[in-house]
Amino acid sequence: MALAAIWCNLLEVEKISRHGGKVKYASNNISAIRSLTLSGLGVSILPEWFINGDIASGTLVELFPEYHLPKQEISIVFPNNVQLQRKNRLFIDYLLENLVV
C-alpha cells in the first residue's frame, strides 16, 4: 500500500495533497532525526533496531505498522590488493553473517 493511501485511510479522506512548504529540519544522521522526533518536531522513518526501546516504552508510537520501506541493497567496497585491517575484516564478516544476502 502506498504511503499516500495509508494517510488517506488513517485520516478518512479521499485525497492527500503534498504540502508546498519547505522542510524545516533535515538530517542524514539517525540520532539527530530521533532527537527531533522525540522533541515533537515531526514524523520520521527510522530503523526498528534503533527505536525499539522508544516504542516499547511508549516514548514513540508507530504510525503505520503495515507500511514497510522497500528493501535496499548495500555494497561493501574495498581494494582487493591490500591487506584489510582486522577491524574492517571483522565488520565485513559481521555484515555477511547478520544481513540477508
N, C-alpha and C. Protein backbone atom coordinates (compact mmCIF):
# COMPACT_ATOMS: atom_id res chain seq x y z
N MET A 1 0.85 -1.17 0.00
CA MET A 1 0.00 0.00 0.00
C MET A 1 0.90 1.24 0.00
N ALA A 2 0.62 2.18 -0.86
CA ALA A 2 1.40 3.40 -0.95
C ALA A 2 1.19 4.26 0.30
N LEU A 3 2.20 5.04 0.62
CA LEU A 3 2.12 5.87 1.82
C LEU A 3 0.95 6.83 1.77
N ALA A 4 0.67 7.43 0.60
CA ALA A 4 -0.46 8.35 0.48
C ALA A 4 -1.78 7.64 0.80
N ALA A 5 -1.91 6.40 0.34
CA ALA A 5 -3.13 5.64 0.61
C ALA A 5 -3.27 5.35 2.10
N ILE A 6 -2.16 5.10 2.77
CA ILE A 6 -2.19 4.84 4.21
C ILE A 6 -2.67 6.09 4.95
N TRP A 7 -2.14 7.28 4.55
CA TRP A 7 -2.58 8.53 5.16
C TRP A 7 -4.06 8.76 4.92
N CYS A 8 -4.52 8.52 3.68
CA CYS A 8 -5.94 8.70 3.36
C CYS A 8 -6.80 7.83 4.25
N ASN A 9 -6.39 6.58 4.40
CA ASN A 9 -7.14 5.64 5.23
C ASN A 9 -7.14 6.10 6.69
N LEU A 10 -5.98 6.50 7.19
CA LEU A 10 -5.86 6.92 8.58
C LEU A 10 -6.70 8.16 8.86
N LEU A 11 -6.65 9.13 7.94
CA LEU A 11 -7.36 10.39 8.15
C LEU A 11 -8.80 10.36 7.64
N GLU A 12 -9.17 9.24 7.01
CA GLU A 12 -10.51 9.05 6.45
C GLU A 12 -10.85 10.17 5.47
N VAL A 13 -9.93 10.40 4.53
CA VAL A 13 -10.14 11.37 3.45
C VAL A 13 -9.90 10.67 2.12
N GLU A 14 -10.35 11.29 1.03
CA GLU A 14 -10.21 10.68 -0.28
C GLU A 14 -8.87 10.98 -0.94
N LYS A 15 -8.29 12.15 -0.65
CA LYS A 15 -7.08 12.54 -1.34
C LYS A 15 -6.15 13.29 -0.39
N ILE A 16 -4.87 13.06 -0.55
CA ILE A 16 -3.84 13.77 0.20
C ILE A 16 -3.04 14.60 -0.79
N SER A 17 -2.84 15.87 -0.49
CA SER A 17 -2.03 16.74 -1.35
C SER A 17 -0.70 17.01 -0.65
N ARG A 18 0.32 17.12 -1.45
CA ARG A 18 1.64 17.40 -0.90
C ARG A 18 1.73 18.88 -0.52
N HIS A 19 2.28 19.13 0.64
CA HIS A 19 2.46 20.50 1.11
C HIS A 19 3.61 21.13 0.35
N GLY A 20 3.40 22.34 -0.13
CA GLY A 20 4.41 23.01 -0.92
C GLY A 20 5.47 23.73 -0.11
N GLY A 21 5.37 23.71 1.21
CA GLY A 21 6.32 24.43 2.05
C GLY A 21 7.68 23.77 2.09
N LYS A 22 8.62 24.49 2.64
CA LYS A 22 9.98 23.98 2.75
C LYS A 22 10.11 23.10 3.99
N VAL A 23 10.99 22.13 3.90
CA VAL A 23 11.29 21.28 5.04
C VAL A 23 12.07 22.12 6.05
N LYS A 24 11.65 22.08 7.31
CA LYS A 24 12.32 22.88 8.33
C LYS A 24 13.53 22.17 8.91
N TYR A 25 13.46 20.85 9.00
CA TYR A 25 14.55 20.08 9.57
C TYR A 25 14.83 18.89 8.67
N ALA A 26 16.09 18.68 8.37
CA ALA A 26 16.50 17.53 7.58
C ALA A 26 17.88 17.11 8.06
N SER A 27 18.12 15.83 8.05
CA SER A 27 19.41 15.33 8.50
C SER A 27 19.65 13.95 7.91
N ASN A 28 20.91 13.59 7.77
CA ASN A 28 21.25 12.23 7.37
C ASN A 28 21.83 11.46 8.56
N ASN A 29 21.58 11.97 9.76
CA ASN A 29 22.07 11.36 10.99
C ASN A 29 20.87 10.83 11.78
N ILE A 30 20.81 9.51 11.98
CA ILE A 30 19.62 8.94 12.63
C ILE A 30 19.46 9.40 14.07
N SER A 31 20.56 9.70 14.75
CA SER A 31 20.46 10.20 16.13
C SER A 31 19.80 11.58 16.15
N ALA A 32 20.17 12.41 15.19
CA ALA A 32 19.57 13.75 15.12
C ALA A 32 18.09 13.65 14.76
N ILE A 33 17.75 12.78 13.82
CA ILE A 33 16.35 12.60 13.43
C ILE A 33 15.54 12.08 14.61
N ARG A 34 16.09 11.13 15.35
CA ARG A 34 15.40 10.60 16.53
C ARG A 34 15.18 11.72 17.56
N SER A 35 16.20 12.55 17.79
CA SER A 35 16.07 13.65 18.75
C SER A 35 14.98 14.64 18.32
N LEU A 36 14.95 14.98 17.03
CA LEU A 36 13.92 15.89 16.53
C LEU A 36 12.53 15.29 16.72
N THR A 37 12.41 13.99 16.44
CA THR A 37 11.12 13.32 16.58
C THR A 37 10.69 13.27 18.05
N LEU A 38 11.63 12.92 18.93
CA LEU A 38 11.32 12.88 20.36
C LEU A 38 10.95 14.26 20.90
N SER A 39 11.45 15.31 20.27
CA SER A 39 11.13 16.68 20.68
C SER A 39 9.78 17.13 20.15
N GLY A 40 9.11 16.27 19.36
CA GLY A 40 7.80 16.62 18.85
C GLY A 40 7.83 17.49 17.61
N LEU A 41 8.95 17.49 16.90
CA LEU A 41 9.09 18.36 15.73
C LEU A 41 8.70 17.70 14.42
N GLY A 42 8.12 16.52 14.47
CA GLY A 42 7.68 15.90 13.23
C GLY A 42 7.60 14.40 13.31
N VAL A 43 7.37 13.83 12.14
CA VAL A 43 7.26 12.38 11.97
C VAL A 43 8.52 11.93 11.24
N SER A 44 9.01 10.75 11.57
CA SER A 44 10.24 10.28 10.93
C SER A 44 10.12 8.80 10.57
N ILE A 45 11.00 8.39 9.70
CA ILE A 45 11.16 6.98 9.37
C ILE A 45 12.55 6.59 9.87
N LEU A 46 12.59 5.72 10.86
CA LEU A 46 13.85 5.29 11.46
C LEU A 46 13.90 3.77 11.53
N PRO A 47 15.09 3.19 11.55
CA PRO A 47 15.21 1.74 11.64
C PRO A 47 14.63 1.20 12.95
N GLU A 48 13.93 0.07 12.84
CA GLU A 48 13.32 -0.52 14.04
C GLU A 48 14.34 -0.78 15.13
N TRP A 49 15.50 -1.31 14.77
CA TRP A 49 16.52 -1.65 15.77
C TRP A 49 16.95 -0.43 16.56
N PHE A 50 16.82 0.75 15.97
CA PHE A 50 17.27 1.98 16.61
C PHE A 50 16.24 2.55 17.58
N ILE A 51 14.97 2.26 17.37
CA ILE A 51 13.92 2.87 18.20
C ILE A 51 13.04 1.85 18.92
N ASN A 52 13.41 0.57 18.90
CA ASN A 52 12.61 -0.45 19.59
C ASN A 52 12.37 -0.09 21.05
N GLY A 53 13.39 0.41 21.73
CA GLY A 53 13.23 0.80 23.14
C GLY A 53 12.25 1.94 23.31
N ASP A 54 12.30 2.91 22.39
CA ASP A 54 11.37 4.04 22.46
C ASP A 54 9.93 3.61 22.22
N ILE A 55 9.74 2.67 21.30
CA ILE A 55 8.40 2.16 21.04
C ILE A 55 7.91 1.34 22.23
N ALA A 56 8.79 0.48 22.78
CA ALA A 56 8.40 -0.35 23.92
C ALA A 56 8.04 0.49 25.14
N SER A 57 8.73 1.60 25.33
CA SER A 57 8.45 2.46 26.50
C SER A 57 7.27 3.40 26.26
N GLY A 58 6.82 3.50 25.01
CA GLY A 58 5.72 4.40 24.70
C GLY A 58 6.18 5.82 24.38
N THR A 59 7.48 6.05 24.37
CA THR A 59 8.00 7.37 24.05
C THR A 59 7.71 7.73 22.60
N LEU A 60 7.82 6.74 21.71
CA LEU A 60 7.45 6.91 20.31
C LEU A 60 6.32 5.94 19.98
N VAL A 61 5.49 6.31 19.04
CA VAL A 61 4.37 5.48 18.61
C VAL A 61 4.54 5.17 17.13
N GLU A 62 4.38 3.90 16.77
CA GLU A 62 4.45 3.51 15.37
C GLU A 62 3.14 3.90 14.70
N LEU A 63 3.22 4.72 13.66
CA LEU A 63 2.01 5.21 13.00
C LEU A 63 1.44 4.24 11.97
N PHE A 64 2.30 3.61 11.20
CA PHE A 64 1.84 2.75 10.10
C PHE A 64 2.53 1.39 10.16
N PRO A 65 2.11 0.52 11.06
CA PRO A 65 2.80 -0.77 11.18
C PRO A 65 2.72 -1.62 9.92
N GLU A 66 1.73 -1.37 9.08
CA GLU A 66 1.60 -2.18 7.86
C GLU A 66 2.46 -1.65 6.72
N TYR A 67 3.07 -0.48 6.89
CA TYR A 67 3.88 0.11 5.83
C TYR A 67 5.35 -0.24 6.05
N HIS A 68 6.00 -0.72 5.00
CA HIS A 68 7.43 -1.05 5.07
C HIS A 68 8.14 -0.40 3.90
N LEU A 69 9.30 0.13 4.17
CA LEU A 69 10.11 0.70 3.09
C LEU A 69 10.59 -0.42 2.17
N PRO A 70 10.82 -0.11 0.91
CA PRO A 70 11.36 -1.13 0.02
C PRO A 70 12.75 -1.57 0.49
N LYS A 71 13.05 -2.82 0.28
CA LYS A 71 14.38 -3.33 0.64
C LYS A 71 15.41 -2.67 -0.24
N GLN A 72 16.58 -2.42 0.32
CA GLN A 72 17.66 -1.79 -0.42
C GLN A 72 18.91 -2.64 -0.35
N GLU A 73 19.68 -2.57 -1.39
CA GLU A 73 20.94 -3.28 -1.41
C GLU A 73 22.03 -2.40 -0.80
N ILE A 74 23.01 -3.05 -0.20
CA ILE A 74 24.20 -2.34 0.22
C ILE A 74 25.40 -3.03 -0.42
N SER A 75 26.44 -2.29 -0.61
CA SER A 75 27.66 -2.84 -1.19
C SER A 75 28.82 -2.57 -0.24
N ILE A 76 29.70 -3.53 -0.15
CA ILE A 76 30.93 -3.35 0.61
C ILE A 76 32.04 -3.25 -0.43
N VAL A 77 32.67 -2.10 -0.48
CA VAL A 77 33.70 -1.86 -1.48
C VAL A 77 35.03 -1.65 -0.79
N PHE A 78 36.01 -2.43 -1.20
CA PHE A 78 37.34 -2.30 -0.62
C PHE A 78 38.35 -2.80 -1.64
N PRO A 79 39.59 -2.32 -1.55
CA PRO A 79 40.60 -2.78 -2.52
C PRO A 79 40.97 -4.23 -2.24
N ASN A 80 41.10 -5.00 -3.29
CA ASN A 80 41.43 -6.42 -3.08
C ASN A 80 42.94 -6.68 -3.10
N ASN A 81 43.72 -5.64 -3.34
CA ASN A 81 45.17 -5.82 -3.38
C ASN A 81 45.86 -5.31 -2.11
N VAL A 82 45.06 -5.04 -1.07
CA VAL A 82 45.59 -4.52 0.18
C VAL A 82 45.11 -5.40 1.32
N GLN A 83 45.98 -5.65 2.28
CA GLN A 83 45.60 -6.43 3.46
C GLN A 83 44.67 -5.57 4.32
N LEU A 84 43.44 -6.05 4.55
CA LEU A 84 42.47 -5.30 5.36
C LEU A 84 42.88 -5.31 6.82
N GLN A 85 42.60 -4.19 7.50
CA GLN A 85 42.80 -4.17 8.94
C GLN A 85 41.84 -5.16 9.57
N ARG A 86 42.22 -5.72 10.69
CA ARG A 86 41.39 -6.73 11.37
C ARG A 86 39.98 -6.18 11.66
N LYS A 87 39.89 -4.94 12.14
CA LYS A 87 38.58 -4.37 12.47
C LYS A 87 37.69 -4.30 11.23
N ASN A 88 38.25 -4.00 10.08
CA ASN A 88 37.47 -3.94 8.84
C ASN A 88 37.01 -5.33 8.41
N ARG A 89 37.90 -6.31 8.52
CA ARG A 89 37.54 -7.69 8.16
C ARG A 89 36.43 -8.19 9.08
N LEU A 90 36.54 -7.90 10.38
CA LEU A 90 35.51 -8.32 11.34
C LEU A 90 34.17 -7.67 11.03
N PHE A 91 34.19 -6.39 10.65
CA PHE A 91 32.95 -5.70 10.31
C PHE A 91 32.31 -6.32 9.07
N ILE A 92 33.09 -6.60 8.07
CA ILE A 92 32.57 -7.23 6.85
C ILE A 92 31.99 -8.60 7.18
N ASP A 93 32.70 -9.38 7.98
CA ASP A 93 32.19 -10.70 8.37
C ASP A 93 30.89 -10.58 9.15
N TYR A 94 30.79 -9.58 10.03
CA TYR A 94 29.56 -9.34 10.79
C TYR A 94 28.40 -9.05 9.85
N LEU A 95 28.62 -8.16 8.88
CA LEU A 95 27.56 -7.82 7.93
C LEU A 95 27.12 -9.06 7.16
N LEU A 96 28.07 -9.84 6.70
CA LEU A 96 27.73 -11.03 5.91
C LEU A 96 26.95 -12.06 6.73
N GLU A 97 27.24 -12.15 8.02
CA GLU A 97 26.57 -13.12 8.88
C GLU A 97 25.18 -12.64 9.31
N ASN A 98 24.99 -11.33 9.42
CA ASN A 98 23.77 -10.81 10.03
C ASN A 98 22.79 -10.15 9.08
N LEU A 99 23.17 -9.95 7.85
CA LEU A 99 22.26 -9.38 6.87
C LEU A 99 21.85 -10.47 5.88
N VAL A 100 20.64 -10.35 5.39
CA VAL A 100 20.17 -11.31 4.39
C VAL A 100 20.98 -11.08 3.12
N VAL A 101 21.57 -12.13 2.61
CA VAL A 101 22.41 -11.99 1.40
C VAL A 101 21.73 -12.69 0.25
